């Protein structure tokens, strides 16, 4: 049966069109994910974090569809891979947009009504938003000379997803065998991660209102300007109690003790917040 052996009834042009269309869709989904990481890369100045983001972007560029030869046609695998990439891009964009928003509010608190001081970030001038890569940015619009080095955390997102994926693979190694099942498992993990991120309650929501106000409020502790004012007030009180007879060494010792206590309070609060997250 030469006709059957040569697959004469198969429309080869239709197969090539499907392959071309799905490959273009797959590459477009990869581009959307790469744009998110690339914009985060432009904000980072630390060499190690740049290398981490570069490795993540290289992995995304090297990614190819995991074809399942047990299926009748390759389109199902291509479309499943595109959905996974779009979910991944949606999760990364949501996390980084939230980080930009919080960093912008934090810098605004630090620089409100103050000039430039050594060690403090530069004030953000909200005049004209710009797009770093294209006319339409992948993340939130940023202003000219607005940088957020903390966006280097983007390299930790795929690490967390991969960790959860391999943990579930180990738990379901008997039932997950084909490429389609592996893609479906990754799809479920990304959906669950995005759902948990969107519905995440603020830290301390499970505690009483009084405890939230005492420990989880960020009005004073997360504002270095307020902490500096409190520390200077405590030093002034110690100086007023000691009078003018105190030596320079005693004043320096007082300053050291006050700032040590302030740093200890901030450190203990940070550890309590980490324990609350856990």
Protein backbone atom coordinates (compact mmCIF):
# COMPACT_ATOMS: atom_id res chain seq x y z
CA UNK A 1 0.00 0.00 0.00
CA UNK A 2 2.28 2.73 -1.28
CA UNK A 3 -0.39 5.44 -0.93
CA UNK A 4 -0.96 4.63 2.74
CA UNK A 5 2.76 4.28 3.40
CA UNK A 6 3.42 7.71 1.86
CA UNK A 7 0.47 9.29 3.76
CA UNK A 8 -1.03 10.60 0.56
CA UNK A 9 -4.35 11.67 2.20
CA UNK A 10 -2.47 13.97 4.60
CA UNK A 11 -2.68 17.66 3.72
CA UNK A 12 0.96 18.62 4.13
CA UNK A 13 0.34 22.32 3.59
CA UNK A 14 -2.27 22.32 6.39
CA UNK A 15 0.23 20.59 8.71
CA UNK A 16 2.91 23.17 7.86
CA UNK A 17 0.42 25.98 8.44
CA UNK A 18 -0.52 24.56 11.85
CA UNK A 19 3.14 24.15 12.74
CA UNK A 20 3.95 27.72 11.64
CA UNK A 21 0.96 29.22 13.48
CA UNK A 22 1.58 27.37 16.73
CA UNK A 23 5.32 28.04 16.65
CA UNK A 24 4.63 31.76 16.22
CA UNK A 25 2.16 31.63 19.14
CA UNK A 26 4.73 29.81 21.27
CA UNK A 27 7.46 32.36 20.50
CA UNK A 28 5.09 35.24 21.24
CA UNK A 29 4.29 33.72 24.65
CA UNK A 30 8.01 33.39 25.36
CA UNK A 31 8.55 37.01 24.36
CA UNK A 32 5.92 38.22 26.82
CA UNK A 33 7.64 36.35 29.65
CA UNK A 34 11.10 37.55 28.56
CA UNK A 35 9.94 41.18 28.49
CA UNK A 36 8.99 40.97 32.18
CA UNK A 37 12.40 39.61 33.15
CA UNK A 38 14.22 42.06 30.87
CA UNK A 39 12.55 45.11 32.40
CA UNK A 40 13.45 43.82 35.86
CA UNK A 41 17.02 43.31 34.61
CA UNK A 42 17.28 47.00 33.66
CA UNK A 43 16.56 48.01 37.27
CA UNK A 44 19.18 45.75 38.89
CA UNK A 45 22.72 46.93 39.61
CA UNK A 46 24.10 44.02 41.65
CA UNK A 47 26.30 41.71 39.55
CA UNK A 48 25.08 38.46 41.14
CA UNK A 49 21.43 39.38 40.72
CA UNK A 50 22.09 40.33 37.10
CA UNK A 51 23.66 36.93 36.52
CA UNK A 52 20.67 35.23 38.13
CA UNK A 53 18.23 37.08 35.89
CA UNK A 54 20.43 36.39 32.85
CA UNK A 55 20.33 32.66 33.63
CA UNK A 56 16.54 32.77 33.95
CA UNK A 57 16.18 34.59 30.61
CA UNK A 58 18.58 32.17 28.91
CA UNK A 59 16.51 29.25 30.21
CA UNK A 60 13.33 30.81 28.83
CA UNK A 61 14.94 31.42 25.42
CA UNK A 62 16.20 27.83 25.30
CA UNK A 63 12.78 26.42 26.14
CA UNK A 64 11.09 24.27 23.50
CA UNK A 65 7.68 22.54 23.41
CA UNK A 66 7.66 19.15 25.12
CA UNK A 67 5.88 17.16 22.41
CA UNK A 68 3.80 14.19 23.47
CA UNK A 69 4.03 11.55 20.74
CA UNK A 70 1.22 9.53 22.31
CA UNK A 71 -1.30 12.16 21.15
CA UNK A 72 -2.89 12.25 17.73
CA UNK A 73 -1.64 15.73 16.80
CA UNK A 74 0.99 18.19 18.04
CA UNK A 75 -1.33 21.21 18.36
CA UNK A 76 -2.57 20.18 21.81
CA UNK A 77 0.96 20.17 23.22
CA UNK A 78 1.80 23.53 21.63
CA UNK A 79 -1.33 25.17 23.00
CA UNK A 80 -0.78 23.71 26.48
CA UNK A 81 2.80 25.06 26.47
CA UNK A 82 1.55 28.50 25.40
CA UNK A 83 -0.96 28.56 28.25
CA UNK A 84 1.79 27.66 30.74
CA UNK A 85 4.03 30.46 29.44
CA UNK A 86 1.22 33.01 29.60
CA UNK A 87 0.36 31.98 33.15
CA UNK A 88 4.02 32.29 34.09
CA UNK A 89 4.21 35.77 32.57
CA UNK A 90 1.00 36.78 34.33
CA UNK A 91 2.37 35.65 37.70
CA UNK A 92 5.75 37.37 37.22
CA UNK A 93 4.10 40.60 36.06
CA UNK A 94 1.72 40.64 39.05
CA UNK A 95 4.55 40.10 41.55
CA UNK A 96 6.85 42.71 40.01
CA UNK A 97 4.07 45.29 39.59
CA UNK A 98 3.25 44.92 43.27
CA UNK A 99 6.92 45.32 44.15
CA UNK A 100 7.22 48.50 42.05
CA UNK A 101 4.10 49.94 43.69
CA UNK A 102 5.35 49.24 47.22
CA UNK A 103 8.85 50.53 46.49
CA UNK A 104 7.42 53.70 44.99
CA UNK A 105 5.34 54.31 48.12
CA UNK A 106 8.34 53.58 50.34
CA UNK A 107 10.63 56.00 48.49
CA UNK A 108 7.86 58.61 48.62
CA UNK A 109 7.69 58.29 52.41
CA UNK A 110 11.45 58.68 52.74
CA UNK A 111 11.85 61.70 50.49
CA UNK A 112 8.67 63.64 51.30
CA UNK A 113 9.62 67.18 52.34
CA UNK A 114 13.33 66.31 52.53
CA UNK A 115 16.31 67.13 50.37
CA UNK A 116 18.88 64.62 49.23
CA UNK A 117 20.79 62.97 52.06
CA UNK A 118 23.65 60.52 51.86
CA UNK A 119 22.41 56.95 52.04
CA UNK A 120 18.84 57.85 51.09
CA UNK A 121 17.31 57.08 47.68
CA UNK A 122 16.71 59.84 45.20
CA UNK A 123 13.29 61.41 45.07
CA UNK A 124 11.00 60.12 42.32
CA UNK A 125 9.76 62.93 40.06
CA UNK A 126 6.32 61.83 38.79
CA UNK A 127 6.31 63.88 35.60
CA UNK A 128 6.27 61.68 32.51
CA UNK A 129 6.07 57.87 32.57
CA UNK A 130 8.43 56.11 30.19
CA UNK A 131 8.62 52.65 28.64
CA UNK A 132 12.00 50.94 28.81
CA UNK A 133 11.73 48.41 25.97
CA UNK A 134 8.75 49.21 23.79
CA UNK A 135 5.95 51.73 23.50
CA UNK A 136 3.90 49.51 25.81
CA UNK A 137 5.89 48.21 28.79
CA UNK A 138 5.52 44.69 30.11
CA UNK A 139 5.40 45.93 33.73
CA UNK A 140 4.06 49.13 35.27
CA UNK A 141 5.11 52.42 33.76
CA UNK A 142 8.08 53.98 35.55
CA UNK A 143 9.20 57.59 35.59
CA UNK A 144 12.45 58.98 34.28
CA UNK A 145 15.38 58.13 36.61
CA UNK A 146 13.18 55.78 38.66
CA UNK A 147 15.03 52.60 39.55
CA UNK A 148 14.04 49.71 41.80
CA UNK A 149 17.02 47.39 42.43
CA UNK A 150 14.80 45.11 44.53
CA UNK A 151 13.28 43.76 41.29
CA UNK A 152 16.20 41.34 41.28
CA UNK A 153 13.85 39.10 43.28
CA UNK A 154 12.36 38.08 39.92
CA UNK A 155 15.02 35.36 39.62
CA UNK A 156 13.60 33.69 42.76
CA UNK A 157 10.15 33.20 41.23
CA UNK A 158 11.10 30.37 38.83
CA UNK A 159 13.19 28.79 41.58
CA UNK A 160 10.15 28.60 43.86
CA UNK A 161 7.96 27.26 41.05
CA UNK A 162 10.54 24.62 40.10
CA UNK A 163 10.86 23.55 43.74
CA UNK A 164 7.08 23.08 44.05
CA UNK A 165 6.99 21.30 40.68
CA UNK A 166 9.64 18.72 41.56
CA UNK A 167 8.12 18.14 44.99
CA UNK A 168 4.79 17.30 43.33
CA UNK A 169 6.56 15.24 40.68
CA UNK A 170 8.17 13.16 43.41
CA UNK A 171 4.79 12.69 45.13
CA UNK A 172 3.05 11.72 41.86
CA UNK A 173 5.88 9.98 40.05
CA UNK A 174 3.71 6.92 39.49
CA UNK A 175 0.88 8.76 37.75
CA UNK A 176 2.76 11.51 35.86
CA UNK A 177 4.61 9.90 32.96
CA UNK A 178 3.83 11.59 29.62
CA UNK A 179 4.74 15.10 28.51
CA UNK A 180 1.09 16.14 28.50
CA UNK A 181 0.72 15.12 32.15
CA UNK A 182 3.88 17.02 33.09
CA UNK A 183 2.62 20.16 31.33
CA UNK A 184 -0.77 19.77 33.02
CA UNK A 185 0.91 19.52 36.44
CA UNK A 186 2.92 22.67 35.77
CA UNK A 187 -0.26 24.40 34.63
CA UNK A 188 -2.02 23.52 37.90
CA UNK A 189 0.94 24.76 39.97
CA UNK A 190 0.99 28.12 38.19
CA UNK A 191 -2.76 28.52 38.52
CA UNK A 192 -2.58 27.77 42.25
CA UNK A 193 0.37 30.14 42.73
CA UNK A 194 -1.36 32.99 40.91
CA UNK A 195 -4.61 32.41 42.80
CA UNK A 196 -2.81 32.42 46.16
CA UNK A 197 -0.87 35.55 45.24
CA UNK A 198 -3.98 37.47 44.18
CA UNK A 199 -5.94 36.44 47.29
CA UNK A 200 -3.07 36.84 49.76
CA UNK A 201 -4.13 38.70 52.86
CA UNK A 202 -1.83 41.30 54.43
CA UNK A 203 0.59 40.13 57.07
CA UNK A 204 -1.05 39.95 60.49
CA UNK A 205 -4.63 39.67 59.23
CA UNK A 206 -5.15 36.55 61.34
CA UNK A 207 -4.22 38.36 64.57
CA UNK A 208 -6.25 40.68 66.79
CA UNK A 209 -6.61 44.36 65.79
CA UNK A 210 -4.60 45.47 68.81
CA UNK A 211 -1.71 43.15 67.94
CA UNK A 212 -1.87 44.32 64.33
CA UNK A 213 -1.51 47.93 65.47
CA UNK A 214 1.30 47.09 67.92
CA UNK A 215 3.53 44.87 65.76
CA UNK A 216 2.39 44.83 62.14
CA UNK A 217 1.86 48.55 61.62
CA UNK A 218 4.53 50.00 59.31
CA UNK A 219 3.91 53.69 59.96
CA UNK A 220 6.99 54.22 62.14
CA UNK A 221 9.19 51.14 62.01
CA UNK A 222 9.39 50.98 58.22
CA UNK A 223 10.20 54.69 57.94
CA UNK A 224 13.89 55.41 58.65
CA UNK A 225 13.18 59.15 58.97
CA UNK A 226 10.81 58.54 61.91
CA UNK A 227 13.27 56.13 63.52
CA UNK A 228 16.05 58.72 63.22
CA UNK A 229 13.84 61.32 64.90
CA UNK A 230 13.01 58.92 67.73
CA UNK A 231 16.68 58.06 68.19
CA UNK A 232 17.72 61.73 68.27
CA UNK A 233 14.97 62.49 70.80
CA UNK A 234 16.19 59.68 73.07
CA UNK A 235 19.76 60.96 72.81
CA UNK A 236 18.58 64.49 73.67
CA UNK A 237 16.74 63.17 76.73
CA UNK A 238 19.85 61.35 77.93
CA UNK A 239 21.94 64.48 77.43
CA UNK A 240 19.45 66.61 79.37
CA UNK A 241 19.47 64.13 82.26
CA UNK A 242 23.28 64.00 82.42
CA UNK A 243 23.74 67.75 82.17
CA UNK A 244 26.73 69.61 80.78
CA UNK A 245 29.27 67.72 82.88
CA UNK A 246 29.27 64.69 80.63
CA UNK A 247 32.43 64.02 78.66
CA UNK A 248 32.62 63.39 74.93
CA UNK A 249 33.24 59.69 75.58
CA UNK A 250 30.08 59.43 77.67
CA UNK A 251 28.06 61.14 74.92
CA UNK A 252 29.40 58.74 72.31
CA UNK A 253 28.59 55.79 74.59
CA UNK A 254 25.04 57.10 75.01
CA UNK A 255 24.61 57.43 71.25
CA UNK A 256 25.96 53.93 70.70
CA UNK A 257 23.60 52.45 73.31
CA UNK A 258 20.54 54.25 71.89
CA UNK A 259 21.17 53.23 68.29
CA UNK A 260 22.01 49.68 69.36
CA UNK A 261 18.64 49.42 71.07
CA UNK A 262 16.89 50.86 68.00
CA UNK A 263 18.59 48.34 65.71
CA UNK A 264 17.75 45.52 68.12
CA UNK A 265 14.06 46.51 68.10
CA UNK A 266 13.98 46.59 64.29
CA UNK A 267 15.78 43.22 64.06
CA UNK A 268 13.49 41.53 66.59
CA UNK A 269 10.41 42.86 64.79
CA UNK A 270 11.75 41.57 61.48
CA UNK A 271 12.26 38.10 62.97
CA UNK A 272 8.76 38.15 64.42
CA UNK A 273 7.33 39.04 61.02
CA UNK A 274 9.24 36.18 59.41
CA UNK A 275 7.91 33.80 62.06
CA UNK A 276 4.37 35.10 61.41
CA UNK A 277 4.77 34.39 57.69
CA UNK A 278 5.95 30.87 58.41
